[in-house]
Protein backbone atom coordinates (compact mmCIF):
# COMPACT_ATOMS: atom_id res chain seq x y z
CA MET A 1 100.91 104.10 113.21
CA ASP A 2 99.70 106.86 113.83
CA ALA A 3 95.58 108.11 113.76
CA ASP A 4 96.25 109.81 110.17
CA ALA A 5 98.12 106.79 108.70
CA LEU A 6 95.60 104.90 110.56
CA THR A 7 92.84 106.63 108.42
CA ARG A 8 94.48 106.62 104.86
CA GLY A 9 95.15 102.66 105.50
CA ARG A 10 91.31 102.31 106.16
CA ARG A 11 90.56 104.74 103.29
CA ALA A 12 92.87 102.91 101.23
CA PHE A 13 91.14 99.73 101.62
CA TRP A 14 88.00 100.22 101.30
CA LEU A 15 88.79 101.97 97.79
CA THR A 16 90.73 98.54 96.70
CA ALA A 17 88.13 96.96 98.32
CA GLY A 18 85.61 98.77 95.87
CA ALA A 19 87.69 98.56 92.68
CA PHE A 20 87.46 94.84 93.48
CA VAL A 21 83.65 94.59 93.73
CA TRP A 22 83.32 97.10 90.38
CA GLY A 23 85.32 94.65 88.65
CA ALA A 24 83.39 91.32 90.06
CA VAL A 25 80.37 93.02 88.89
CA LEU A 26 82.17 93.26 85.32
CA VAL A 27 82.75 89.61 85.13
CA ALA A 28 79.15 89.41 85.91
CA ALA A 29 77.55 91.41 83.65
CA ALA A 30 79.49 90.03 80.38
CA LEU A 31 77.97 86.90 81.75
CA LEU A 32 74.32 87.66 82.65
CA VAL A 33 73.73 91.09 81.07
CA PRO A 34 72.20 90.87 77.30
CA VAL A 35 73.57 93.57 75.02
CA SER A 36 73.25 91.98 71.48
CA GLY A 37 69.36 91.19 71.17
CA PRO A 38 69.05 87.73 74.16
CA GLN A 39 73.38 87.41 73.59
CA THR A 40 75.33 88.54 76.21
CA LEU A 41 78.95 89.62 76.02
CA VAL A 42 80.45 86.63 76.20
CA GLN A 43 78.03 84.48 73.69
CA GLN A 44 78.63 87.24 71.76
CA ASN A 45 82.34 87.13 71.51
CA GLY A 46 83.60 84.25 72.86
CA SER A 47 85.27 82.95 76.59
CA HIS A 48 88.15 84.79 75.64
CA VAL A 49 86.46 87.70 76.52
CA LEU A 50 86.63 87.11 79.78
CA LEU A 51 90.49 87.85 80.01
CA VAL A 52 89.61 90.90 79.52
CA VAL A 53 86.65 91.51 81.37
CA ALA A 54 88.22 90.11 84.52
CA ALA A 55 91.65 91.47 84.45
CA PRO A 56 90.22 94.76 86.48
CA ALA A 57 89.29 92.39 89.46
CA VAL A 58 92.33 90.14 89.58
CA ILE A 59 94.56 93.64 89.35
CA ALA A 60 92.65 94.94 92.21
CA ALA A 61 92.88 91.93 94.36
CA LEU A 62 96.72 92.30 93.34
CA VAL A 63 96.79 95.83 94.09
CA GLY A 64 95.06 95.01 97.46
CA ILE A 65 97.64 92.82 98.68
CA ALA A 66 100.47 94.83 97.42
CA LEU A 67 99.31 97.72 99.05
CA ARG A 68 98.54 95.65 102.20
CA VAL A 69 102.56 94.84 102.36
CA ARG A 70 103.24 98.17 101.18
CA CYS A 71 100.98 99.44 104.68
CA SER A 72 102.21 96.85 107.12
CA ARG A 73 105.49 95.95 106.85
CA GLY A 74 106.91 99.27 104.64
CA GLY A 75 107.70 97.35 101.68
CA LEU A 76 108.73 100.12 98.95
CA VAL A 77 108.65 97.80 96.47
CA ALA A 78 105.55 96.87 96.56
CA GLY A 79 104.26 99.87 96.54
CA TYR A 80 106.35 100.14 92.88
CA VAL A 81 104.28 96.38 92.05
CA ALA A 82 100.85 98.35 93.12
CA TRP A 83 101.84 101.06 90.90
CA VAL A 84 103.32 99.17 87.92
CA LEU A 85 99.57 97.15 87.58
CA ILE A 86 97.55 100.30 88.08
CA ALA A 87 99.43 101.50 84.49
CA VAL A 88 98.71 98.15 82.81
CA LEU A 89 95.30 98.71 83.92
CA PHE A 90 94.97 102.21 82.67
CA ALA A 91 97.19 100.65 79.15
CA GLU A 92 93.52 98.49 78.79
CA CYS A 93 91.62 101.38 79.69
CA LEU A 94 93.14 103.45 76.84
CA LEU A 95 93.40 100.04 74.07
CA GLY A 96 89.51 99.43 75.43
CA ILE A 97 88.35 102.99 75.18
CA LEU A 98 86.20 102.73 72.26
CA SER A 99 84.65 99.33 73.88
CA VAL A 100 85.32 98.24 77.61
CA GLY A 101 87.61 100.85 78.48
CA LEU A 102 85.05 103.06 80.09
CA TYR A 103 83.63 100.69 82.55
CA ILE A 104 87.33 99.41 83.65
CA ALA A 105 88.46 103.41 84.09
CA PRO A 106 86.25 103.41 87.51
CA VAL A 107 88.60 100.56 89.02
CA ALA A 108 92.06 102.50 87.85
CA LEU A 109 91.11 105.50 89.12
CA LEU A 110 89.68 104.08 92.89
CA LEU A 111 93.56 102.13 92.32
CA ALA A 112 95.33 104.93 91.61
CA ARG A 113 93.77 106.94 94.33
CA ALA A 114 94.25 103.99 96.99
CA ALA A 115 97.58 104.01 95.72
CA THR A 116 98.22 107.53 96.84
CA ILE A 117 97.20 107.74 99.84
CA ALA A 118 98.07 104.39 101.55
CA PRO A 119 100.91 104.94 104.20
CA LEU A 120 103.99 103.29 104.03
CA GLY A 121 104.61 101.52 107.51
CA GLY A 122 107.00 99.63 109.10
CA ALA A 123 110.75 99.59 108.28
CA PRO A 124 110.98 100.01 104.71
CA GLY A 125 112.44 97.43 101.70
């Protein structure tokens, strides 16, 4: 792997890691930060809201795995899987634009940038 590909791979890793951390902070905020008086988002809306709030962190982890496969083994399918997951996250942003969508958008943008710069390593397949 040449130096440029190695640099792009490292950048993609850090962008993906940043997206995961942002998603994890969203989960922590839903559990700990009061949004209406003394109630947190989970207390106000129930534990089912964690499915929506945890989705960015889960998707970031899955995209990270897919991009790792793409970079290390040259998996073209892994790249497609990453983009499908990113599209799902963008759809969640649009659906939740009036509530949590704006908080989820940075995760989607970081993952999209990571997928754009991730090099294709190894033999394609």
